[in-house]
Protein backbone atom coordinates (compact mmCIF):
# COMPACT_ATOMS: atom_id res chain seq x y z
CA MET A 1 199.55 77.44 123.43
CA LEU A 2 199.70 80.63 121.34
CA ARG A 3 202.49 83.18 121.64
CA VAL A 4 201.19 86.59 120.65
CA LEU A 5 202.65 89.97 119.77
CA ALA A 6 200.13 92.86 119.75
CA VAL A 7 201.07 96.06 117.93
CA ASP A 8 199.29 99.41 118.34
CA ASP A 9 200.71 102.92 118.66
CA GLU A 10 197.90 104.00 121.00
CA ASN A 11 198.70 102.80 124.52
CA PRO A 12 195.11 102.54 125.84
CA ALA A 13 194.07 100.42 122.85
CA LEU A 14 197.18 98.25 123.19
CA GLU A 15 196.65 97.68 126.92
CA GLU A 16 193.00 96.73 126.38
CA LEU A 17 193.94 94.30 123.60
CA LEU A 18 196.67 92.71 125.74
CA TYR A 19 194.26 92.38 128.66
CA LEU A 20 191.73 90.51 126.52
CA LEU A 21 194.38 88.29 124.94
CA ARG A 22 195.92 87.37 128.30
CA SER A 23 192.45 86.46 129.57
CA ASP A 24 192.16 83.76 126.89
CA ALA A 25 193.31 80.32 128.07
CA ARG A 26 194.62 79.50 124.59
CA VAL A 27 197.18 82.33 124.79
CA THR A 28 200.32 81.40 126.76
CA SER A 29 202.05 84.76 126.30
CA ALA A 30 201.04 88.16 124.93
CA GLU A 31 203.54 91.00 124.59
CA GLY A 32 203.03 94.48 123.18
CA ALA A 33 204.84 96.83 120.81
CA THR A 34 203.96 100.48 120.23
CA ASP A 35 205.34 100.90 116.71
CA ALA A 36 206.15 98.92 113.60
CA THR A 37 209.92 99.23 114.02
CA GLU A 38 209.85 97.65 117.46
CA ALA A 39 207.48 94.95 116.21
CA LEU A 40 209.73 94.05 113.28
CA ARG A 41 212.75 93.89 115.59
CA ARG A 42 210.96 91.43 117.89
CA ILE A 43 209.66 89.36 114.99
CA SER A 44 213.12 89.16 113.40
CA ARG A 45 214.56 87.97 116.72
CA ALA A 46 211.82 85.34 116.98
CA LEU A 47 212.42 84.09 113.43
CA GLU A 48 216.18 83.84 114.04
CA ALA A 49 215.55 81.77 117.19
CA GLY A 50 213.23 79.41 115.32
CA PRO A 51 209.67 78.29 116.11
CA ASP A 52 210.73 76.54 119.33
CA GLY A 53 212.81 79.43 120.66
CA GLU A 54 211.81 81.23 123.85
CA ASP A 55 211.13 84.42 121.83
CA GLY A 56 208.86 82.60 119.38
CA ILE A 57 205.78 84.36 118.00
CA ASP A 58 202.86 82.45 116.50
CA VAL A 59 200.67 85.42 115.58
CA VAL A 60 200.80 89.21 115.39
CA PHE A 61 197.66 91.21 116.22
CA LEU A 62 198.36 94.30 114.17
CA ASP A 63 196.83 97.76 113.97
CA ILE A 64 196.76 99.35 110.51
CA HIS A 65 197.06 103.11 111.05
CA MET A 66 200.31 103.76 112.91
CA ALA A 67 202.98 106.44 112.76
CA GLY A 68 205.72 105.51 110.30
CA LEU A 69 205.15 102.08 108.77
CA THR A 70 201.51 100.97 108.68
CA GLY A 71 200.29 97.54 109.63
CA LEU A 72 199.87 96.71 105.95
CA ASP A 73 203.54 97.65 105.38
CA VAL A 74 204.56 95.30 108.18
CA ALA A 75 202.50 92.46 106.70
CA ARG A 76 204.08 93.00 103.27
CA LEU A 77 207.56 92.82 104.80
CA LEU A 78 206.71 89.65 106.72
CA ALA A 79 205.44 88.00 103.53
CA GLY A 80 209.07 87.87 102.36
CA PHE A 81 210.09 85.51 105.18
CA ALA A 82 209.98 81.75 104.78
CA ARG A 83 207.89 81.06 107.92
CA PRO A 84 206.42 84.33 109.17
CA PRO A 85 203.97 84.49 112.07
CA LEU A 86 200.26 84.62 111.28
CA ILE A 87 198.61 88.04 111.03
CA VAL A 88 195.35 89.30 112.52
CA PHE A 89 194.51 92.93 111.77
CA VAL A 90 192.79 94.93 114.52
CA THR A 91 191.58 98.28 113.21
CA ALA A 92 188.86 100.91 113.38
CA HIS A 93 188.72 101.11 109.58
CA GLU A 94 186.62 98.83 107.38
CA GLY A 95 188.14 99.91 104.09
CA PHE A 96 191.35 97.86 104.17
CA ALA A 97 189.81 94.39 104.41
CA VAL A 98 190.49 93.47 100.78
CA GLN A 99 194.18 94.38 101.10
CA ALA A 100 194.40 92.62 104.46
CA PHE A 101 193.06 89.29 103.19
CA ASP A 102 195.15 89.57 100.01
CA LEU A 103 198.12 89.62 102.41
CA LYS A 104 196.88 86.28 103.84
CA ALA A 105 195.56 87.70 107.12
CA VAL A 106 193.82 85.11 109.27
CA ASP A 107 191.22 87.60 110.46
CA TYR A 108 190.19 91.27 110.41
CA VAL A 109 188.79 92.52 113.72
CA LEU A 110 187.11 95.90 113.96
CA LYS A 111 187.51 98.26 116.92
CA PRO A 112 186.13 98.62 119.50
CA VAL A 113 187.21 95.05 120.12
CA ARG A 114 184.59 92.79 121.66
CA ARG A 115 185.78 89.91 123.84
CA GLU A 116 183.73 87.28 121.96
CA ARG A 117 184.90 88.58 118.57
CA LEU A 118 188.54 88.46 119.65
CA ALA A 119 188.00 84.92 120.98
CA GLU A 120 186.81 83.89 117.51
CA ALA A 121 189.98 85.36 115.98
CA VAL A 122 192.10 83.42 118.50
CA ARG A 123 190.23 80.24 117.56
CA ARG A 124 190.97 80.80 113.88
CA VAL A 125 194.65 81.29 114.63
CA ARG A 126 194.80 78.23 116.89
CA ASP A 127 193.21 76.06 114.19
CA GLN A 128 195.80 77.18 111.63
CA VAL A 129 198.70 76.66 114.03
CA LEU A 130 197.50 73.17 114.94
CA ALA A 131 196.98 72.27 111.27
CA ALA A 132 200.53 73.39 110.45
CA ARG A 133 201.99 71.31 113.27
CA GLU A 134 200.01 68.16 112.47
CA PRO A 135 202.28 65.57 110.81
CA ARG A 136 201.20 63.83 107.62
CA HIS A 137 202.15 60.27 106.69
CA PRO A 138 201.54 59.92 102.93
CA GLU A 139 203.05 56.43 102.83
CA HIS A 140 200.05 55.18 104.83
CA GLU A 141 197.40 56.88 102.72
CA THR A 142 195.05 55.21 100.31
CA ALA A 143 192.71 57.24 98.20
CA VAL A 144 189.37 56.66 96.57
CA THR A 145 188.06 59.22 94.11
CA VAL A 146 184.32 59.48 93.54
CA PRO A 147 183.20 61.60 90.56
CA ALA A 148 180.23 63.78 91.53
CA THR A 149 177.23 64.27 89.25
CA ARG A 150 176.47 67.96 88.98
CA ALA A 151 173.27 69.16 90.55
CA PRO A 152 170.83 71.36 88.65
CA VAL A 153 171.30 75.12 88.92
CA HIS A 154 168.43 77.53 89.54
CA ASN A 155 167.57 79.66 86.51
CA THR A 156 166.22 82.55 88.54
CA ALA A 157 168.80 85.32 88.31
CA GLU A 158 170.00 86.74 91.60
CA GLN A 159 172.90 89.12 91.93
CA ILE A 160 175.01 90.35 94.82
CA PRO A 161 176.70 93.79 94.80
CA VAL A 162 180.48 93.92 95.30
CA GLU A 163 182.77 96.93 95.61
CA LEU A 164 185.88 97.13 93.45
CA GLY A 165 187.97 100.29 93.43
CA GLY A 166 185.02 102.49 94.36
CA VAL A 167 182.83 100.94 91.66
CA THR A 168 179.86 98.69 92.49
CA ARG A 169 179.57 95.58 90.34
CA PHE A 170 176.92 92.88 90.43
CA VAL A 171 177.95 89.21 90.53
CA ALA A 172 175.39 86.57 89.60
CA VAL A 173 174.92 84.02 92.38
CA ASP A 174 174.84 81.25 89.78
CA ASP A 175 178.42 82.23 88.81
CA ILE A 176 179.73 81.66 92.35
CA ALA A 177 181.50 78.32 92.82
CA TYR A 178 182.22 78.59 96.53
CA VAL A 179 182.42 81.09 99.36
CA GLU A 180 185.23 81.40 101.87
CA ALA A 181 184.81 82.88 105.36
CA GLN A 182 187.28 85.65 106.16
CA GLY A 183 186.41 87.07 109.55
CA ASP A 184 183.27 89.20 109.38
CA TYR A 185 183.58 89.08 105.58
CA ALA A 186 183.07 86.44 102.91
CA ARG A 187 185.09 85.97 99.72
CA LEU A 188 183.03 84.92 96.69
CA HIS A 189 184.98 82.74 94.25
CA THR A 190 183.95 82.67 90.58
CA GLU A 191 185.72 81.50 87.44
CA ASP A 192 186.79 85.11 86.82
CA GLY A 193 188.29 85.79 90.23
CA SER A 194 187.14 86.57 93.76
CA HIS A 195 185.25 89.36 95.51
CA LEU A 196 185.13 90.33 99.19
CA VAL A 197 181.77 91.28 100.73
CA ARG A 198 180.94 92.20 104.30
CA ILE A 199 178.41 89.43 104.90
CA PRO A 200 178.99 86.58 107.39
CA LEU A 201 179.20 83.10 105.88
CA SER A 202 176.35 81.94 108.13
CA ALA A 203 174.03 84.55 106.60
CA LEU A 204 174.86 83.41 103.07
CA GLU A 205 174.38 79.77 104.09
CA GLU A 206 170.83 80.48 105.20
CA ARG A 207 170.07 82.80 102.29
CA TRP A 208 171.38 80.49 99.55
CA ALA A 209 170.37 77.05 100.88
CA SER A 210 167.50 76.91 98.37
CA ARG A 211 169.96 77.67 95.57
CA GLY A 212 172.02 74.54 96.21
CA PHE A 213 174.78 75.95 98.42
CA VAL A 214 176.00 73.55 101.09
CA ARG A 215 178.21 74.15 104.13
CA ILE A 216 181.16 71.76 104.01
CA HIS A 217 183.36 73.36 106.66
CA ARG A 218 183.23 76.26 109.09
CA SER A 219 185.24 78.19 106.47
CA HIS A 220 183.54 77.14 103.21
CA LEU A 221 180.15 77.17 101.54
CA VAL A 222 180.03 75.37 98.18
CA ALA A 223 177.59 75.33 95.28
CA LEU A 224 176.68 71.65 94.98
CA ALA A 225 176.40 72.08 91.21
CA ARG A 226 180.03 73.17 91.01
CA ILE A 227 181.58 70.15 92.75
CA ASP A 228 183.63 68.19 90.21
CA GLU A 229 184.98 65.51 92.50
CA LEU A 230 184.59 64.08 95.99
CA ARG A 231 187.75 62.48 97.37
CA LEU A 232 188.08 60.14 100.36
CA ASP A 233 191.68 59.94 101.50
CA ALA A 234 192.91 58.19 104.68
CA GLY A 235 189.89 59.22 106.71
CA THR A 236 189.70 62.76 105.35
CA THR A 237 187.25 64.11 102.78
CA THR A 238 187.89 66.82 100.21
CA VAL A 239 186.05 68.18 97.20
CA ARG A 240 187.45 69.62 94.00
CA VAL A 241 185.73 72.74 92.73
CA GLY A 242 187.45 73.78 89.52
CA SER A 243 191.13 74.09 90.42
CA ALA A 244 190.45 74.44 94.16
CA GLU A 245 190.62 71.52 96.59
CA LEU A 246 188.59 72.17 99.76
CA ALA A 247 188.54 70.23 103.00
CA VAL A 248 185.23 68.80 104.25
CA SER A 249 184.86 68.62 108.02
CA ARG A 250 183.77 65.33 109.60
CA ARG A 251 180.62 67.04 110.81
CA HIS A 252 179.53 67.79 107.24
CA ALA A 253 181.04 64.85 105.33
CA ARG A 254 178.12 62.39 105.62
CA GLN A 255 175.51 64.98 104.67
CA LEU A 256 177.56 66.04 101.64
CA ARG A 257 178.03 62.45 100.43
CA ASP A 258 174.30 61.79 100.82
CA LEU A 259 173.43 64.93 98.85
CA LEU A 260 175.82 64.06 96.04
CA MET A 261 174.57 60.48 95.81
CA ARG A 262 170.96 61.70 95.82
CA HIS A 263 171.63 64.05 92.92
CA ALA A 264 173.57 61.33 91.09
CA GLY A 265 170.60 59.00 91.47
CA SER A 266 168.14 61.60 90.15
């Protein structure tokens, strides 16, 4: 289903990546490029042909350190196109994750690449591609909005260290509205902005369960106290947290509604 272009200027690393990608049943084609110039030429040809063209590319697995243009340079150039392919960075360097996710990367995979870790990146890409292709029919939608009563917040101060420009800051957990999974990292969203930390979302879910954080989706962990609105819309559930609207998976929807009603009743 996925058409992949892998870009790495080191042939052994490129061949290994292509081998793993071609072994995944969700990947219908995986081609390689050994430099950014060649990659941009192929991507431009794919964009000219359109999403249904035989040269179409759904996602680019992109190294960062390459001769000439870097992977980050390529991602910045692609951001100027109307419908660019998705980007997954594959690199041996941890220090570019913030820039990578600011460029809307789907994932950030560290070398040496493990088969199961790459499979997770492919799953993330597939989910985004399927979501983009899924048609919406707003004329058939009816919506019910349920205001949510805010849950109490713990008073015990707990802080989490974040790196910003070589400086370590401490963010109070009670200031975090929701957390977004970004590969092996998590992005903490507060009223003042967001911060990237290298902690899996699953670890934060377990650690902060007693502080009122609830998993609503494989990609989001939300502070129950920060939910302003629960919305039921044509079989889908979303929550509003400040200015953000977040999807609630079917798996978590019932539990979330029960928790909100329980807090409203108390």
